[in-house]
Amino acid sequence: MLADKKNACVVISGASGAIGGSLASLLLSKGYSVIGISRSTPSQEMRLQSPDVSWLVYDSSLCNAEAYVVDELTQLIGSKSLMGVFHCSGRHSNSSPMDLTHRDYLDSIEGNLFSTINVVTLTLDLVRSGGSIIVLNSQAAVSASANEIAYGVAKRAVSSYIDGMQIEATKRGLQIVNVLCGAVQSSMAKGRPGYDKFISLSELSEVLYSLSIAGKSLRLKDVEVLRRCY
């Protein structure tokens, strides 16, 4: 990222969620301008909680970005340098494998794989050389629980997509990093046993930021971020 942070901005998808919101707060505190992507118009409460975040309303799980979405994001970036993209949105599912329908699998693919493809496609040519696209994936891509099969299938597909995009990112001088993350203290995990031992939001935010500024001569690809209790 740029040394002159006053001229640098970042994009965070899922900025209205727990992980994206924590990351936005961290990056704002470090002097970056933050553009948040939200599937729906942020509530007045959300805008008051994050008054320094500029918002792009775009549901990346549904369709490719139309020209007006690209134009709006370009206007939000303005004269600043887009030096980081953090894709933090996703859709968790938990259901008995024998109860899963075709639609359940499609919902998970749309909310996880398609959203990743669309955010990367939207921003790939806007990020300045030397910048990073950090995709928050899941350990379910490696080993999903019995009731997370649809979720795991979609997350494994995300890993395959990111692997395939390495050449395109390298051509542009970018990092595209697949972060295989364990359970986080987010709203999605509320009620799960051992919640207090999950990865904290603040710690995860620091790690994601560190990955985005790591190295000039090295290339990061797959990074595992695991909680200490396993």
C-alpha atoms as a PDB file:
ATOM      1  CA  MET A   1       0.000   0.000   0.000  1.00  0.00           C
ATOM      2  CA  LEU A   2       0.996   3.611  -0.378  1.00  0.00           C
ATOM      3  CA  ALA A   3       3.139   5.321   2.214  1.00  0.00           C
ATOM      4  CA  ASP A   4       0.891   8.383   1.773  1.00  0.00           C
ATOM      5  CA  LYS A   5      -2.270   6.915   3.260  1.00  0.00           C
ATOM      6  CA  LYS A   6      -4.171  10.186   2.859  1.00  0.00           C
ATOM      7  CA  ASN A   7      -4.256   9.504  -0.867  1.00  0.00           C
ATOM      8  CA  ALA A   8      -5.065   5.788  -0.521  1.00  0.00           C
ATOM      9  CA  CYS A   9      -8.402   4.055  -0.280  1.00  0.00           C
ATOM     10  CA  VAL A  10      -9.603   0.491   0.238  1.00  0.00           C
ATOM     11  CA  VAL A  11     -12.754  -1.396  -0.662  1.00  0.00           C
ATOM     12  CA  ILE A  12     -14.399  -3.765   1.816  1.00  0.00           C
ATOM     13  CA  SER A  13     -17.272  -6.006   0.763  1.00  0.00           C
ATOM     14  CA  GLY A  14     -19.465  -7.001   3.675  1.00  0.00           C
ATOM     15  CA  ALA A  15     -18.498  -3.790   5.456  1.00  0.00           C
ATOM     16  CA  SER A  16     -21.859  -3.754   7.232  1.00  0.00           C
ATOM     17  CA  GLY A  17     -21.087  -7.115   8.875  1.00  0.00           C
ATOM     18  CA  ALA A  18     -19.064  -7.837  12.007  1.00  0.00           C
ATOM     19  CA  ILE A  19     -15.773  -8.729  10.296  1.00  0.00           C
ATOM     20  CA  GLY A  20     -16.009  -6.077   7.592  1.00  0.00           C
ATOM     21  CA  GLY A  21     -17.037  -3.450  10.144  1.00  0.00           C
ATOM     22  CA  SER A  22     -14.104  -4.266  12.413  1.00  0.00           C
ATOM     23  CA  LEU A  23     -11.710  -4.099   9.465  1.00  0.00           C
ATOM     24  CA  ALA A  24     -13.189  -0.775   8.321  1.00  0.00           C
ATOM     25  CA  SER A  25     -12.631   0.728  11.781  1.00  0.00           C
ATOM     26  CA  LEU A  26      -9.014  -0.452  11.802  1.00  0.00           C
ATOM     27  CA  LEU A  27      -8.221   0.920   8.346  1.00  0.00           C
ATOM     28  CA  LEU A  28      -9.897   4.243   9.092  1.00  0.00           C
ATOM     29  CA  SER A  29      -7.765   4.521  12.232  1.00  0.00           C
ATOM     30  CA  LYS A  30      -4.677   4.000  10.059  1.00  0.00           C
ATOM     31  CA  GLY A  31      -5.629   6.880   7.771  1.00  0.00           C
ATOM     32  CA  TYR A  32      -7.149   5.088   4.774  1.00  0.00           C
ATOM     33  CA  SER A  33     -10.373   6.107   3.087  1.00  0.00           C
ATOM     34  CA  VAL A  34     -12.845   3.218   3.152  1.00  0.00           C
ATOM     35  CA  ILE A  35     -15.470   2.299   0.571  1.00  0.00           C
ATOM     36  CA  GLY A  36     -17.895  -0.325   1.820  1.00  0.00           C
ATOM     37  CA  ILE A  37     -19.867  -2.630  -0.474  1.00  0.00           C
ATOM     38  CA  SER A  38     -23.260  -3.549   0.930  1.00  0.00           C
ATOM     39  CA  ARG A  39     -25.919  -5.833  -0.562  1.00  0.00           C
ATOM     40  CA  SER A  40     -28.634  -3.424   0.519  1.00  0.00           C
ATOM     41  CA  THR A  41     -28.807   0.243   1.397  1.00  0.00           C
ATOM     42  CA  PRO A  42     -27.126   0.701   4.803  1.00  0.00           C
ATOM     43  CA  SER A  43     -29.537   1.688   7.543  1.00  0.00           C
ATOM     44  CA  GLN A  44     -29.386   5.094   9.161  1.00  0.00           C
ATOM     45  CA  GLU A  45     -28.014   3.389  12.267  1.00  0.00           C
ATOM     46  CA  MET A  46     -25.204   1.803  10.239  1.00  0.00           C
ATOM     47  CA  ARG A  47     -24.369   5.136   8.620  1.00  0.00           C
ATOM     48  CA  LEU A  48     -24.216   6.777  12.036  1.00  0.00           C
ATOM     49  CA  GLN A  49     -21.984   3.969  13.341  1.00  0.00           C
ATOM     50  CA  SER A  50     -19.636   4.325  10.363  1.00  0.00           C
ATOM     51  CA  PRO A  51     -19.895   7.989   9.335  1.00  0.00           C
ATOM     52  CA  ASP A  52     -16.521   7.978   7.555  1.00  0.00           C
ATOM     53  CA  VAL A  53     -17.324   5.028   5.273  1.00  0.00           C
ATOM     54  CA  SER A  54     -18.516   5.707   1.722  1.00  0.00           C
ATOM     55  CA  TRP A  55     -21.049   3.118   0.549  1.00  0.00           C
ATOM     56  CA  LEU A  56     -21.544   1.284  -2.729  1.00  0.00           C
ATOM     57  CA  VAL A  57     -24.822  -0.657  -2.806  1.00  0.00           C
ATOM     58  CA  TYR A  58     -24.242  -3.766  -4.903  1.00  0.00           C
ATOM     59  CA  ASP A  59     -25.393  -7.343  -4.321  1.00  0.00           C
ATOM     60  CA  SER A  60     -22.422  -9.210  -5.756  1.00  0.00           C
ATOM     61  CA  SER A  61     -24.102 -12.580  -5.181  1.00  0.00           C
ATOM     62  CA  LEU A  62     -26.745 -11.990  -7.842  1.00  0.00           C
ATOM     63  CA  CYS A  63     -25.187 -10.708 -11.034  1.00  0.00           C
ATOM     64  CA  ASN A  64     -22.155  -9.221 -12.694  1.00  0.00           C
ATOM     65  CA  ALA A  65     -21.552  -5.573 -11.990  1.00  0.00           C
ATOM     66  CA  GLU A  66     -23.379  -3.421 -14.540  1.00  0.00           C
ATOM     67  CA  ALA A  67     -21.687  -0.362 -16.008  1.00  0.00           C
ATOM     68  CA  TYR A  68     -23.319   1.995 -13.504  1.00  0.00           C
ATOM     69  CA  VAL A  69     -21.806   0.018 -10.579  1.00  0.00           C
ATOM     70  CA  VAL A  70     -18.319   0.340 -12.086  1.00  0.00           C
ATOM     71  CA  ASP A  71     -18.930   4.042 -12.708  1.00  0.00           C
ATOM     72  CA  GLU A  72     -20.153   4.623  -9.162  1.00  0.00           C
ATOM     73  CA  LEU A  73     -17.159   2.832  -7.646  1.00  0.00           C
ATOM     74  CA  THR A  74     -14.788   4.780  -9.900  1.00  0.00           C
ATOM     75  CA  GLN A  75     -16.411   8.022  -8.726  1.00  0.00           C
ATOM     76  CA  LEU A  76     -16.076   6.994  -5.076  1.00  0.00           C
ATOM     77  CA  ILE A  77     -12.387   6.257  -5.601  1.00  0.00           C
ATOM     78  CA  GLY A  78     -11.938   9.602  -7.353  1.00  0.00           C
ATOM     79  CA  SER A  79      -8.343  10.840  -7.360  1.00  0.00           C
ATOM     80  CA  LYS A  80      -7.285   8.427  -4.626  1.00  0.00           C
ATOM     81  CA  SER A  81      -5.300   5.244  -5.241  1.00  0.00           C
ATOM     82  CA  LEU A  82      -7.196   2.010  -4.619  1.00  0.00           C
ATOM     83  CA  MET A  83      -4.549  -0.044  -2.854  1.00  0.00           C
ATOM     84  CA  GLY A  84      -6.547  -2.791  -1.182  1.00  0.00           C
ATOM     85  CA  VAL A  85      -9.712  -4.836  -1.613  1.00  0.00           C
ATOM     86  CA  PHE A  86     -11.017  -7.016   1.210  1.00  0.00           C
ATOM     87  CA  HIS A  87     -13.790  -9.427   0.283  1.00  0.00           C
ATOM     88  CA  CYS A  88     -15.463 -10.250   3.593  1.00  0.00           C
ATOM     89  CA  SER A  89     -19.000 -11.086   2.551  1.00  0.00           C
ATOM     90  CA  GLY A  90     -20.319 -14.624   2.326  1.00  0.00           C
ATOM     91  CA  ARG A  91     -23.301 -16.816   3.104  1.00  0.00           C
ATOM     92  CA  HIS A  92     -23.074 -19.566   5.687  1.00  0.00           C
ATOM     93  CA  SER A  93     -25.349 -22.612   5.569  1.00  0.00           C
ATOM     94  CA  ASN A  94     -25.838 -25.426   8.030  1.00  0.00           C
ATOM     95  CA  SER A  95     -28.177 -28.254   7.167  1.00  0.00           C
ATOM     96  CA  SER A  96     -28.310 -32.026   7.150  1.00  0.00           C
ATOM     97  CA  PRO A  97     -26.805 -33.248   3.851  1.00  0.00           C
ATOM     98  CA  MET A  98     -29.850 -35.379   3.093  1.00  0.00           C
ATOM     99  CA  ASP A  99     -32.108 -32.365   3.458  1.00  0.00           C
ATOM    100  CA  LEU A 100     -30.186 -30.184   1.001  1.00  0.00           C
ATOM    101  CA  THR A 101     -31.932 -29.232  -2.216  1.00  0.00           C
ATOM    102  CA  HIS A 102     -30.591 -28.034  -5.549  1.00  0.00           C
ATOM    103  CA  ARG A 103     -31.603 -24.511  -4.505  1.00  0.00           C
ATOM    104  CA  ASP A 104     -29.617 -24.787  -1.254  1.00  0.00           C
ATOM    105  CA  TYR A 105     -26.444 -25.520  -3.202  1.00  0.00           C
ATOM    106  CA  LEU A 106     -27.150 -22.689  -5.638  1.00  0.00           C
ATOM    107  CA  ASP A 107     -27.745 -20.234  -2.776  1.00  0.00           C
ATOM    108  CA  SER A 108     -24.388 -21.139  -1.264  1.00  0.00           C
ATOM    109  CA  ILE A 109     -22.604 -20.892  -4.610  1.00  0.00           C
ATOM    110  CA  GLU A 110     -24.196 -17.504  -5.310  1.00  0.00           C
ATOM    111  CA  GLY A 111     -23.435 -16.118  -1.844  1.00  0.00           C
ATOM    112  CA  ASN A 112     -19.850 -17.350  -1.759  1.00  0.00           C
ATOM    113  CA  LEU A 113     -18.386 -18.183  -5.186  1.00  0.00           C
ATOM    114  CA  PHE A 114     -20.305 -15.735  -7.386  1.00  0.00           C
ATOM    115  CA  SER A 115     -19.873 -12.907  -4.878  1.00  0.00           C
ATOM    116  CA  THR A 116     -16.108 -13.502  -4.871  1.00  0.00           C
ATOM    117  CA  ILE A 117     -15.900 -13.626  -8.676  1.00  0.00           C
ATOM    118  CA  ASN A 118     -17.953 -10.447  -9.027  1.00  0.00           C
ATOM    119  CA  VAL A 119     -16.008  -8.421  -6.449  1.00  0.00           C
ATOM    120  CA  VAL A 120     -12.672  -9.497  -7.933  1.00  0.00           C
ATOM    121  CA  THR A 121     -13.880  -8.753 -11.473  1.00  0.00           C
ATOM    122  CA  LEU A 122     -15.229  -5.364 -10.382  1.00  0.00           C
ATOM    123  CA  THR A 123     -11.969  -4.242  -8.756  1.00  0.00           C
ATOM    124  CA  LEU A 124      -9.130  -6.106 -10.493  1.00  0.00           C
ATOM    125  CA  ASP A 125      -8.370  -3.342 -12.988  1.00  0.00           C
ATOM    126  CA  LEU A 126      -8.958  -0.543 -10.463  1.00  0.00           C
ATOM    127  CA  VAL A 127      -6.393  -1.628  -7.849  1.00  0.00           C
ATOM    128  CA  ARG A 128      -3.034   0.058  -8.297  1.00  0.00           C
ATOM    129  CA  SER A 129       0.053  -2.028  -8.945  1.00  0.00           C
ATOM    130  CA  GLY A 130       1.515  -3.110  -5.620  1.00  0.00           C
ATOM    131  CA  GLY A 131      -1.920  -3.466  -4.071  1.00  0.00           C
ATOM    132  CA  SER A 132      -3.757  -6.528  -2.840  1.00  0.00           C
ATOM    133  CA  ILE A 133      -7.069  -8.334  -3.082  1.00  0.00           C
ATOM    134  CA  ILE A 134      -7.659 -10.293   0.117  1.00  0.00           C
ATOM    135  CA  VAL A 135     -10.446 -12.885  -0.014  1.00  0.00           C
ATOM    136  CA  LEU A 136     -11.709 -14.105   3.343  1.00  0.00           C
ATOM    137  CA  ASN A 137     -12.406 -17.766   2.653  1.00  0.00           C
ATOM    138  CA  SER A 138     -13.077 -20.509   5.203  1.00  0.00           C
ATOM    139  CA  GLN A 139     -11.514 -23.641   6.623  1.00  0.00           C
ATOM    140  CA  ALA A 140     -14.678 -25.308   5.318  1.00  0.00           C
ATOM    141  CA  ALA A 141     -12.944 -25.204   1.926  1.00  0.00           C
ATOM    142  CA  VAL A 142     -10.515 -27.771   3.327  1.00  0.00           C
ATOM    143  CA  SER A 143     -12.660 -29.700   5.783  1.00  0.00           C
ATOM    144  CA  ALA A 144     -16.352 -28.928   6.156  1.00  0.00           C
ATOM    145  CA  SER A 145     -18.463 -30.358   8.961  1.00  0.00           C
ATOM    146  CA  ALA A 146     -21.214 -32.875   8.183  1.00  0.00           C
ATOM    147  CA  ASN A 147     -23.848 -30.137   8.034  1.00  0.00           C
ATOM    148  CA  GLU A 148     -21.728 -27.689   6.023  1.00  0.00           C
ATOM    149  CA  ILE A 149     -21.466 -29.631   2.774  1.00  0.00           C
ATOM    150  CA  ALA A 150     -23.106 -26.989   0.560  1.00  0.00           C
ATOM    151  CA  TYR A 151     -21.061 -24.261   2.228  1.00  0.00           C
ATOM    152  CA  GLY A 152     -17.859 -26.310   1.893  1.00  0.00           C
ATOM    153  CA  VAL A 153     -18.476 -27.033  -1.794  1.00  0.00           C
ATOM    154  CA  ALA A 154     -18.860 -23.318  -2.495  1.00  0.00           C
ATOM    155  CA  LYS A 155     -15.823 -22.364  -0.416  1.00  0.00           C
ATOM    156  CA  ARG A 156     -13.649 -24.990  -2.112  1.00  0.00           C
ATOM    157  CA  ALA A 157     -14.750 -23.538  -5.444  1.00  0.00           C
ATOM    158  CA  VAL A 158     -13.630 -20.115  -4.175  1.00  0.00           C
ATOM    159  CA  SER A 159     -10.150 -21.553  -3.532  1.00  0.00           C
ATOM    160  CA  SER A 160     -10.066 -22.974  -7.059  1.00  0.00           C
ATOM    161  CA  TYR A 161     -11.123 -19.628  -8.525  1.00  0.00           C
ATOM    162  CA  ILE A 162      -8.467 -17.674  -6.616  1.00  0.00           C
ATOM    163  CA  ASP A 163      -5.834 -20.189  -7.663  1.00  0.00           C
ATOM    164  CA  GLY A 164      -6.847 -19.701 -11.285  1.00  0.00           C
ATOM    165  CA  MET A 165      -6.698 -15.896 -10.946  1.00  0.00           C
ATOM    166  CA  GLN A 166      -3.080 -15.812  -9.747  1.00  0.00           C
ATOM    167  CA  ILE A 167      -1.706 -15.216 -13.252  1.00  0.00           C
ATOM    168  CA  GLU A 168      -4.085 -12.324 -13.916  1.00  0.00           C
ATOM    169  CA  ALA A 169      -3.193 -10.730 -10.575  1.00  0.00           C
ATOM    170  CA  THR A 170       0.539 -11.182 -11.163  1.00  0.00           C
ATOM    171  CA  LYS A 171       0.264  -9.508 -14.587  1.00  0.00           C
ATOM    172  CA  ARG A 172      -1.058  -6.438 -12.805  1.00  0.00           C
ATOM    173  CA  GLY A 173       1.497  -6.514  -9.995  1.00  0.00           C
ATOM    174  CA  LEU A 174      -1.149  -7.458  -7.418  1.00  0.00           C
ATOM    175  CA  GLN A 175      -1.442  -9.942  -4.599  1.00  0.00           C
ATOM    176  CA  ILE A 176      -4.625 -12.028  -4.560  1.00  0.00           C
ATOM    177  CA  VAL A 177      -4.657 -13.944  -1.299  1.00  0.00           C
ATOM    178  CA  ASN A 178      -6.920 -16.805  -0.285  1.00  0.00           C
ATOM    179  CA  VAL A 179      -7.341 -16.624   3.510  1.00  0.00           C
ATOM    180  CA  LEU A 180      -8.620 -19.929   4.888  1.00  0.00           C
ATOM    181  CA  CYS A 181     -10.038 -18.758   8.185  1.00  0.00           C
ATOM    182  CA  GLY A 182     -11.258 -20.737  11.179  1.00  0.00           C
ATOM    183  CA  ALA A 183     -14.231 -19.801  13.343  1.00  0.00           C
ATOM    184  CA  VAL A 184     -14.496 -16.086  14.164  1.00  0.00           C
ATOM    185  CA  GLN A 185     -16.396 -14.257  16.908  1.00  0.00           C
ATOM    186  CA  SER A 186     -18.932 -12.923  14.429  1.00  0.00           C
ATOM    187  CA  SER A 187     -22.716 -12.864  14.404  1.00  0.00           C
ATOM    188  CA  MET A 188     -22.678 -15.902  12.099  1.00  0.00           C
ATOM    189  CA  ALA A 189     -21.049 -18.015  14.827  1.00  0.00           C
ATOM    190  CA  LYS A 190     -23.168 -16.815  17.756  1.00  0.00           C
ATOM    191  CA  GLY A 191     -24.522 -19.745  19.724  1.00  0.00           C
ATOM    192  CA  ARG A 192     -21.846 -22.198  18.637  1.00  0.00           C
ATOM    193  CA  PRO A 193     -20.014 -24.067  21.439  1.00  0.00           C
ATOM    194  CA  GLY A 194     -16.673 -22.526  22.433  1.00  0.00           C
ATOM    195  CA  TYR A 195     -17.528 -19.115  20.978  1.00  0.00           C
ATOM    196  CA  ASP A 196     -15.251 -17.348  23.471  1.00  0.00           C
ATOM    197  CA  LYS A 197     -12.278 -19.293  22.022  1.00  0.00           C
ATOM    198  CA  PHE A 198     -12.941 -18.277  18.429  1.00  0.00           C
ATOM    199  CA  ILE A 199     -10.708 -15.786  16.585  1.00  0.00           C
ATOM    200  CA  SER A 200     -11.368 -12.236  17.765  1.00  0.00           C
ATOM    201  CA  LEU A 201     -12.548  -9.618  15.268  1.00  0.00           C
ATOM    202  CA  SER A 202      -9.782  -7.176  16.146  1.00  0.00           C
ATOM    203  CA  GLU A 203      -7.038  -9.772  15.799  1.00  0.00           C
ATOM    204  CA  LEU A 204      -8.359 -11.012  12.471  1.00  0.00           C
ATOM    205  CA  SER A 205      -8.578  -7.445  11.182  1.00  0.00           C
ATOM    206  CA  GLU A 206      -4.920  -6.859  12.044  1.00  0.00           C
ATOM    207  CA  VAL A 207      -3.911 -10.063  10.233  1.00  0.00           C
ATOM    208  CA  LEU A 208      -5.890  -9.185   7.089  1.00  0.00           C
ATOM    209  CA  TYR A 209      -4.338  -5.728   7.033  1.00  0.00           C
ATOM    210  CA  SER A 210      -0.852  -7.198   7.497  1.00  0.00           C
ATOM    211  CA  LEU A 211      -1.389  -9.566   4.584  1.00  0.00           C
ATOM    212  CA  SER A 212      -2.438  -6.669   2.364  1.00  0.00           C
ATOM    213  CA  ILE A 213       0.873  -4.860   2.852  1.00  0.00           C
ATOM    214  CA  ALA A 214       3.178  -7.898   2.913  1.00  0.00           C
ATOM    215  CA  GLY A 215       6.173  -8.008   0.632  1.00  0.00           C
ATOM    216  CA  LYS A 216       7.282  -6.680  -2.731  1.00  0.00           C
ATOM    217  CA  SER A 217       9.306  -9.582  -4.055  1.00  0.00           C
ATOM    218  CA  LEU A 218       7.214 -12.381  -2.566  1.00  0.00           C
ATOM    219  CA  ARG A 219       3.779 -13.613  -3.575  1.00  0.00           C
ATOM    220  CA  LEU A 220       1.212 -14.797  -1.067  1.00  0.00           C
ATOM    221  CA  LYS A 221      -1.381 -17.295  -2.236  1.00  0.00           C
ATOM    222  CA  ASP A 222      -3.045 -19.452   0.445  1.00  0.00           C
ATOM    223  CA  VAL A 223      -2.880 -18.416   4.098  1.00  0.00           C
ATOM    224  CA  GLU A 224      -4.438 -20.388   6.943  1.00  0.00           C
ATOM    225  CA  VAL A 225      -5.660 -18.451   9.973  1.00  0.00           C
ATOM    226  CA  LEU A 226      -6.659 -20.862  12.732  1.00  0.00           C
ATOM    227  CA  ARG A 227      -7.941 -20.453  16.272  1.00  0.00           C
ATOM    228  CA  ARG A 228      -5.636 -21.756  18.985  1.00  0.00           C
ATOM    229  CA  CYS A 229      -8.015 -24.336  20.447  1.00  0.00           C
ATOM    230  CA  TYR A 230      -7.450 -26.862  17.650  1.00  0.00           C
END
